[in-house]
Protein backbone atom coordinates (compact mmCIF):
# COMPACT_ATOMS: atom_id res chain seq x y z
CA MET A 1 0.14 -0.16 0.11
CA SER A 2 1.39 3.45 -1.05
CA ASN A 3 2.01 5.85 1.96
CA ILE A 4 -0.38 8.48 1.87
CA SER A 5 0.68 10.33 5.19
CA GLY A 6 1.96 13.49 6.13
CA ASP A 7 4.16 15.26 3.55
CA HIS A 8 3.94 12.60 0.97
CA CYS A 9 0.25 13.05 0.43
CA PRO A 10 -0.12 14.91 -3.21
CA LEU A 11 -2.04 18.15 -3.57
CA ALA A 12 -4.14 17.35 -6.80
CA HIS A 13 -3.34 19.72 -9.74
CA ASP A 14 -6.83 19.26 -11.81
CA GLY A 15 -7.03 22.89 -12.78
CA GLN A 16 -9.82 23.73 -10.73
CA ASP A 17 -8.98 26.48 -8.32
CA VAL A 18 -11.09 25.39 -5.22
CA VAL A 19 -11.11 24.35 -1.79
CA LYS A 20 -9.63 20.62 -1.44
CA MET A 21 -9.45 18.04 0.88
CA ALA A 22 -5.58 18.47 1.11
CA HIS A 23 -6.11 22.34 2.34
CA GLY A 24 -7.18 21.00 5.78
CA GLY A 25 -4.63 18.12 6.10
CA GLY A 26 -2.08 20.28 8.13
CA GLY A 27 0.54 20.03 5.22
CA ARG A 28 1.88 21.99 2.38
CA ALA A 29 -1.64 22.84 0.73
CA MET A 30 -2.58 24.45 4.24
CA ALA A 31 0.22 26.42 4.83
CA GLN A 32 0.35 27.85 1.08
CA LEU A 33 -3.81 28.83 1.90
CA LEU A 34 -2.93 30.40 5.07
CA ASP A 35 -0.05 32.27 3.86
CA SER A 36 -1.66 33.64 0.53
CA LEU A 37 -4.95 34.02 2.01
CA PHE A 38 -5.76 34.03 5.69
CA ARG A 39 -2.51 35.95 6.94
CA PRO A 40 -2.14 38.78 4.37
CA ALA A 41 -5.84 39.80 5.01
CA PHE A 42 -5.51 39.74 8.78
CA ASP A 43 -2.31 41.09 9.01
CA ASN A 44 -1.36 41.61 12.29
CA PRO A 45 1.67 40.77 14.64
CA TRP A 46 -0.20 38.17 16.35
CA LEU A 47 -0.85 35.85 13.37
CA GLU A 48 2.96 36.43 11.93
CA ARG A 49 4.03 34.55 15.32
CA GLN A 50 2.38 31.56 13.68
CA HIS A 51 1.76 30.19 17.30
CA ASP A 52 -0.96 28.17 18.75
CA GLY A 53 -2.72 30.87 20.36
CA ALA A 54 -2.33 34.52 20.65
CA VAL A 55 -0.94 36.09 24.17
CA LEU A 56 -2.85 39.08 24.75
CA ASP A 57 -2.03 41.71 27.35
CA MET A 58 -6.05 42.46 28.82
CA PRO A 59 -5.83 44.34 32.46
CA GLY A 60 -9.11 44.22 34.33
CA SER A 61 -12.57 42.77 33.42
CA ILE A 62 -13.01 41.16 30.29
CA ALA A 63 -16.12 40.26 28.28
CA PHE A 64 -16.07 37.02 26.36
CA THR A 65 -18.52 35.25 23.37
CA THR A 66 -18.34 33.29 20.84
CA ASP A 67 -21.22 32.67 18.16
CA SER A 68 -21.36 30.50 14.51
CA TYR A 69 -22.51 31.56 11.35
CA VAL A 70 -24.17 29.15 8.88
CA VAL A 71 -26.26 31.70 6.94
CA ARG A 72 -27.20 30.70 3.36
CA PRO A 73 -27.11 32.19 0.65
CA LEU A 74 -23.42 33.28 1.77
CA PHE A 75 -23.87 36.59 -0.06
CA PHE A 76 -26.99 38.89 0.37
CA PRO A 77 -28.21 42.38 -0.13
CA GLY A 78 -26.14 44.49 1.81
CA SER A 79 -23.81 41.95 3.42
CA ASP A 80 -22.54 38.58 3.75
CA ILE A 81 -21.13 35.74 6.00
CA GLY A 82 -17.98 37.37 6.40
CA ALA A 83 -19.04 40.87 7.51
CA MET A 84 -21.77 39.25 9.82
CA ALA A 85 -19.23 36.68 11.38
CA VAL A 86 -17.35 40.02 12.67
CA HIS A 87 -20.32 42.21 13.51
CA GLY A 88 -22.18 39.45 15.38
CA THR A 89 -19.64 38.61 17.71
CA VAL A 90 -18.16 42.57 18.30
CA ASN A 91 -22.07 43.09 18.95
CA ASP A 92 -22.34 40.31 21.78
CA ILE A 93 -19.64 42.08 23.03
CA ALA A 94 -20.80 45.24 23.33
CA MET A 95 -23.93 44.15 24.37
CA CYS A 96 -21.95 43.12 27.92
CA GLY A 97 -20.95 47.04 28.06
CA ALA A 98 -17.46 46.30 27.07
CA GLU A 99 -15.33 47.62 23.98
CA PRO A 100 -14.50 44.98 21.47
CA GLN A 101 -10.58 44.40 20.71
CA TYR A 102 -9.87 40.83 19.58
CA LEU A 103 -11.63 37.95 17.44
CA SER A 104 -10.65 34.75 16.97
CA ALA A 105 -12.01 32.95 13.64
CA GLY A 106 -12.53 29.57 12.81
CA PHE A 107 -13.62 27.96 9.35
CA ILE A 108 -14.78 25.14 8.01
CA LEU A 109 -14.72 24.77 4.57
CA GLU A 110 -16.57 22.39 2.00
CA GLU A 111 -14.52 20.53 -0.73
CA GLY A 112 -15.17 22.33 -3.67
CA LEU A 113 -15.58 25.61 -2.79
CA PRO A 114 -14.35 28.01 -4.98
CA LEU A 115 -11.38 29.79 -3.76
CA ALA A 116 -12.23 32.96 -5.25
CA THR A 117 -15.56 33.02 -3.00
CA LEU A 118 -13.57 32.29 0.11
CA ARG A 119 -11.33 35.00 -0.74
CA GLN A 120 -14.32 37.29 -0.80
CA VAL A 121 -15.60 36.35 2.52
CA VAL A 122 -12.18 36.88 4.27
CA GLU A 123 -11.25 40.27 2.92
CA SER A 124 -15.20 41.18 4.06
CA MET A 125 -14.31 40.07 7.46
CA ALA A 126 -10.81 41.85 7.22
CA THR A 127 -12.80 44.94 5.82
CA ALA A 128 -15.36 44.78 8.79
CA ALA A 129 -12.45 44.36 11.54
CA ARG A 130 -10.73 47.17 10.58
CA ALA A 131 -13.60 49.33 10.41
CA THR A 132 -14.76 48.21 13.91
CA GLY A 133 -11.39 48.46 15.41
CA VAL A 134 -11.03 44.94 16.11
CA ARG A 135 -8.15 42.27 15.52
CA ILE A 136 -8.46 39.01 14.03
CA VAL A 137 -5.48 37.19 16.13
CA THR A 138 -5.86 33.39 16.10
CA GLY A 139 -7.99 31.09 14.18
CA ASP A 140 -8.47 27.39 12.79
CA LEU A 141 -9.05 25.63 9.32
CA LYS A 142 -10.90 22.70 8.67
CA VAL A 143 -12.21 20.99 5.18
CA VAL A 144 -15.17 18.87 5.07
CA GLU A 145 -16.07 16.34 2.27
CA ARG A 146 -18.15 17.90 -0.85
CA GLY A 147 -21.87 18.21 0.14
CA LYS A 148 -21.50 18.74 4.35
CA ALA A 149 -21.24 22.52 5.02
CA ASP A 150 -23.03 24.54 2.35
CA GLY A 151 -20.04 26.28 1.11
CA LEU A 152 -18.18 27.45 4.59
CA TYR A 153 -19.39 28.03 8.29
CA ILE A 154 -17.72 30.28 10.21
CA ASN A 155 -17.07 30.43 14.34
CA THR A 156 -15.58 33.75 16.05
CA ALA A 157 -15.05 34.02 19.76
CA GLY A 158 -14.38 37.42 20.59
CA VAL A 159 -13.00 39.37 23.69
CA GLY A 160 -13.32 43.17 24.97
CA ARG A 161 -12.52 45.11 28.04
CA VAL A 162 -15.45 45.96 30.17
CA VAL A 163 -15.92 49.88 30.28
CA ALA A 164 -19.61 49.74 31.99
CA ALA A 165 -19.44 50.90 35.49
CA HIS A 166 -21.70 48.33 36.73
CA PRO A 167 -23.21 44.99 35.25
CA ILE A 168 -24.92 45.46 32.06
CA GLU A 169 -27.45 42.40 32.41
CA PRO A 170 -31.27 42.08 32.59
CA GLY A 171 -31.05 41.30 36.16
CA GLN A 172 -30.49 45.48 36.60
CA VAL A 173 -33.63 46.24 34.94
CA GLN A 174 -36.09 48.11 37.25
CA ALA A 175 -39.79 48.90 37.02
CA GLY A 176 -40.18 52.21 35.34
CA ASP A 177 -36.96 51.86 33.42
CA ARG A 178 -37.48 52.77 29.65
CA LEU A 179 -37.13 50.62 26.42
CA LEU A 180 -35.22 52.38 23.93
CA LEU A 181 -34.70 50.83 20.23
CA SER A 182 -31.59 51.75 17.95
CA GLY A 183 -33.51 51.63 14.52
CA ASP A 184 -36.09 50.02 11.92
CA ILE A 185 -36.53 46.31 12.37
CA GLY A 186 -37.00 43.27 10.12
CA ARG A 187 -34.46 43.80 7.26
CA HIS A 188 -32.20 41.41 7.64
CA GLY A 189 -34.56 38.31 7.87
CA ILE A 190 -36.03 39.82 4.95
CA ALA A 191 -33.01 40.39 2.72
CA VAL A 192 -31.56 36.70 3.22
CA MET A 193 -34.97 35.04 2.63
CA ALA A 194 -35.30 36.80 -0.52
CA ALA A 195 -32.18 36.44 -1.79
CA ARG A 196 -32.32 32.36 -0.73
CA GLU A 197 -36.05 31.94 -2.52
CA LYS A 198 -34.96 34.43 -5.04
CA LEU A 199 -38.38 36.64 -4.37
CA ASP A 200 -39.04 39.17 -6.96
CA LEU A 201 -39.24 42.08 -5.16
CA GLU A 202 -39.68 45.77 -6.67
CA SER A 203 -36.61 47.06 -5.14
CA ALA A 204 -33.80 44.87 -2.97
CA ILE A 205 -34.05 45.20 0.68
CA GLU A 206 -30.62 44.98 2.21
CA SER A 207 -29.77 43.76 5.71
CA ASP A 208 -29.31 45.86 8.38
CA CYS A 209 -25.74 44.04 9.09
CA ALA A 210 -23.60 46.44 11.19
CA SER A 211 -21.37 47.02 14.44
CA ILE A 212 -23.49 48.91 16.57
CA ALA A 213 -20.57 49.23 19.26
CA ALA A 214 -20.15 52.91 18.38
CA PRO A 215 -23.32 53.84 19.87
CA VAL A 216 -23.12 51.72 22.93
CA LEU A 217 -19.92 52.93 23.92
CA ALA A 218 -20.86 56.66 23.45
CA LEU A 219 -24.14 55.64 26.06
CA LEU A 220 -21.79 54.35 28.71
CA ASN A 221 -18.90 56.84 27.98
CA GLU A 222 -21.35 59.93 28.39
CA GLY A 223 -22.67 58.45 31.57
CA ILE A 224 -26.13 57.62 30.52
CA SER A 225 -28.00 55.01 33.29
CA VAL A 226 -28.26 52.09 31.09
CA ARG A 227 -29.67 49.02 32.74
CA CYS A 228 -29.48 46.24 29.92
CA PHE A 229 -28.67 46.05 25.96
CA ARG A 230 -29.71 43.40 24.02
CA ASP A 231 -29.08 42.90 20.18
CA LEU A 232 -32.00 41.80 18.10
CA THR A 233 -30.70 38.80 16.39
CA ARG A 234 -32.78 35.66 16.30
CA GLY A 235 -36.15 35.85 17.23
CA GLY A 236 -36.38 39.35 16.62
CA LEU A 237 -37.61 42.21 18.74
CA ALA A 238 -40.19 40.27 20.69
CA SER A 239 -37.99 37.73 21.83
CA GLY A 240 -35.40 39.96 23.07
CA VAL A 241 -37.93 42.37 25.07
CA VAL A 242 -39.32 38.83 26.46
CA GLU A 243 -36.40 37.53 27.45
CA VAL A 244 -35.00 40.35 29.54
CA ALA A 245 -38.53 40.95 31.21
CA GLU A 246 -38.38 36.94 32.15
CA THR A 247 -35.09 37.46 33.66
CA ALA A 248 -35.64 40.62 35.25
CA GLY A 249 -38.65 39.56 36.80
CA LEU A 250 -40.71 41.96 35.25
CA ALA A 251 -43.38 42.61 32.74
CA ALA A 252 -43.42 44.97 29.64
CA GLU A 253 -45.15 47.41 27.37
CA VAL A 254 -44.52 48.41 24.09
CA ARG A 255 -46.29 51.03 21.79
CA GLU A 256 -46.42 49.23 18.42
CA ALA A 257 -47.16 52.50 16.50
CA ASP A 258 -43.53 53.95 17.87
CA ILE A 259 -41.85 50.67 16.41
CA PRO A 260 -40.35 51.40 12.90
CA VAL A 261 -40.91 49.05 10.37
CA ARG A 262 -40.09 50.14 6.64
CA GLU A 263 -42.92 50.20 4.26
CA ASP A 264 -41.46 47.67 1.93
CA VAL A 265 -40.34 45.10 5.01
CA SER A 266 -43.94 45.40 6.26
CA ALA A 267 -45.49 44.77 3.16
CA VAL A 268 -43.39 41.21 2.27
CA CYS A 269 -43.84 40.39 6.01
CA GLU A 270 -48.28 40.78 5.25
CA LEU A 271 -47.59 38.56 2.23
CA LEU A 272 -45.94 35.83 3.68
CA GLY A 273 -47.88 36.11 7.00
CA LEU A 274 -44.92 36.97 9.16
CA ASP A 275 -44.53 39.25 12.31
CA PRO A 276 -42.13 42.11 11.79
CA LEU A 277 -41.33 41.77 15.73
CA HIS A 278 -39.94 38.49 15.13
CA VAL A 279 -38.08 38.83 12.24
CA ALA A 280 -34.42 38.64 12.93
CA ASN A 281 -31.97 41.61 12.63
CA GLU A 282 -28.06 41.67 12.47
CA GLY A 283 -27.61 45.74 13.51
CA ARG A 284 -30.34 46.59 15.83
CA PHE A 285 -30.54 46.54 19.50
CA ILE A 286 -32.52 47.60 22.75
CA ALA A 287 -31.18 49.56 25.52
CA VAL A 288 -33.08 49.70 28.90
CA VAL A 289 -32.20 53.00 30.61
CA ALA A 290 -33.33 55.02 33.52
CA PRO A 291 -36.50 57.31 32.86
CA GLU A 292 -34.37 60.67 33.64
CA ASP A 293 -32.23 59.60 30.91
CA VAL A 294 -34.52 58.75 27.79
CA ASP A 295 -34.06 62.47 26.01
CA ARG A 296 -30.39 62.30 26.27
CA ALA A 297 -29.86 58.50 25.44
CA ILE A 298 -31.75 59.28 22.32
CA ALA A 299 -29.83 62.13 21.37
CA ILE A 300 -26.74 60.14 21.76
CA LEU A 301 -27.82 57.26 19.58
CA ARG A 302 -29.12 59.71 16.55
CA ARG A 303 -25.80 60.95 16.51
CA HIS A 304 -24.31 57.57 15.07
CA GLY A 305 -25.49 56.62 11.26
CA VAL A 306 -26.53 52.79 12.40
CA SER A 307 -29.20 54.24 15.32
CA GLU A 308 -30.06 57.58 13.90
CA ALA A 309 -33.55 56.39 13.71
CA ALA A 310 -33.07 55.47 17.87
CA VAL A 311 -36.87 55.66 19.14
CA GLU A 312 -38.52 55.03 22.79
CA ILE A 313 -41.03 52.21 22.48
CA GLY A 314 -42.04 51.23 25.97
CA GLN A 315 -40.94 50.41 29.41
CA PHE A 316 -40.74 47.88 31.97
CA ILE A 317 -43.50 47.67 34.67
CA GLU A 318 -44.41 45.30 37.71
CA GLY A 319 -46.20 42.19 36.54
CA SER A 320 -45.81 38.74 35.61
CA ALA A 321 -42.30 37.87 34.62
CA GLY A 322 -42.31 37.86 30.89
CA ARG A 323 -45.36 38.93 30.26
CA VAL A 324 -45.20 41.64 27.24
CA THR A 325 -47.96 43.28 25.85
CA ALA A 326 -48.11 45.61 22.85
CA GLN A 327 -50.52 48.44 22.48
CA SER A 328 -51.65 47.56 18.87
CA LEU A 329 -51.99 50.50 15.87
CA ILE A 330 -55.56 50.20 15.73
CA GLY A 331 -55.74 50.81 19.76
CA GLY A 332 -56.24 47.03 21.22
CA SER A 333 -53.62 45.29 22.81
CA ARG A 334 -52.10 42.06 22.46
CA ILE A 335 -49.97 39.45 23.88
CA VAL A 336 -46.06 39.45 22.69
CA ASP A 337 -44.34 36.26 23.12
CA ARG A 338 -41.10 34.93 21.86
CA LEU A 339 -40.87 33.18 18.55
CA SER A 340 -42.23 29.55 18.54
CA GLY A 341 -39.87 27.33 16.58
CA GLU A 342 -37.94 28.37 13.43
CA GLN A 343 -39.52 30.99 11.35
CA LEU A 344 -36.90 32.01 9.39
CA PRO A 345 -33.95 29.41 8.97
CA ARG A 346 -30.20 30.15 8.75
CA ILE A 347 -30.45 33.69 9.15
CA CYS A 348 -27.08 33.72 10.51
């Protein structure tokens, strides 16, 4: 039997510029891919050391999070899996009251993925990281057989320096605190679904995928009494508010008329029988603040493009934990519950 282990395993030259199983084998093919694509894109001293991990100097408290991205299709109006992998993890760090600083990136690649597609995703990640001010300092690469990974999956983990003077979490929310929303909702979920299902819309609906760290840090740095942040990804606004209310042991009231939803998003939701409050976002968050800080907080949020349409939409009150009611557009009220099941699969 021929020896097929280690450096003796050849990289097939079949004229196709695609990911091959050898790219995940730990040999020359992987080294070539890392040196030609990943390290130049994520260029920084930690990667140049070519070590098993990154040693970081981070005094004080840190926030740490991780997330995996399996969206299909890989590219959709307004963003792609690469930028989303950076923004999603950066946003989770910011929700903890921390300044995002470092990310790891783990790639699971499918055999046959065009290297041009991989390069486009990696360059999008690099662009998003530079714009957000974070460094991708370590990572991992695996290759699976053709048909096993929808092209590619990405896992990112991140750490950041806590800047909040007190814990930013649902348990800090008090009755009377106000609920602020950073902008219009529902665009990301509709953009991904429209691209995946090839819906023939009159105009493209672009994802809201973006970093929300800047307005979050501005609120903290300018002394706003923030009790809690929550980004509104899977499950949308409804699930986000219900989750905070449950953990805080409070009820909440929201005014549906004050929740911004673009007309085109609303029309698609109505056509497909979706509730915009349940549709996913990738660049929207809620901030729960003390009532005396509402006006100042909204003014700060509106100085940033990603939150320029920030509004107050309701408040937390004494009542059954997790009970959220919405005053409807026609004057009645309804119970708002978290999303049941998976309404929009594979949106992140």
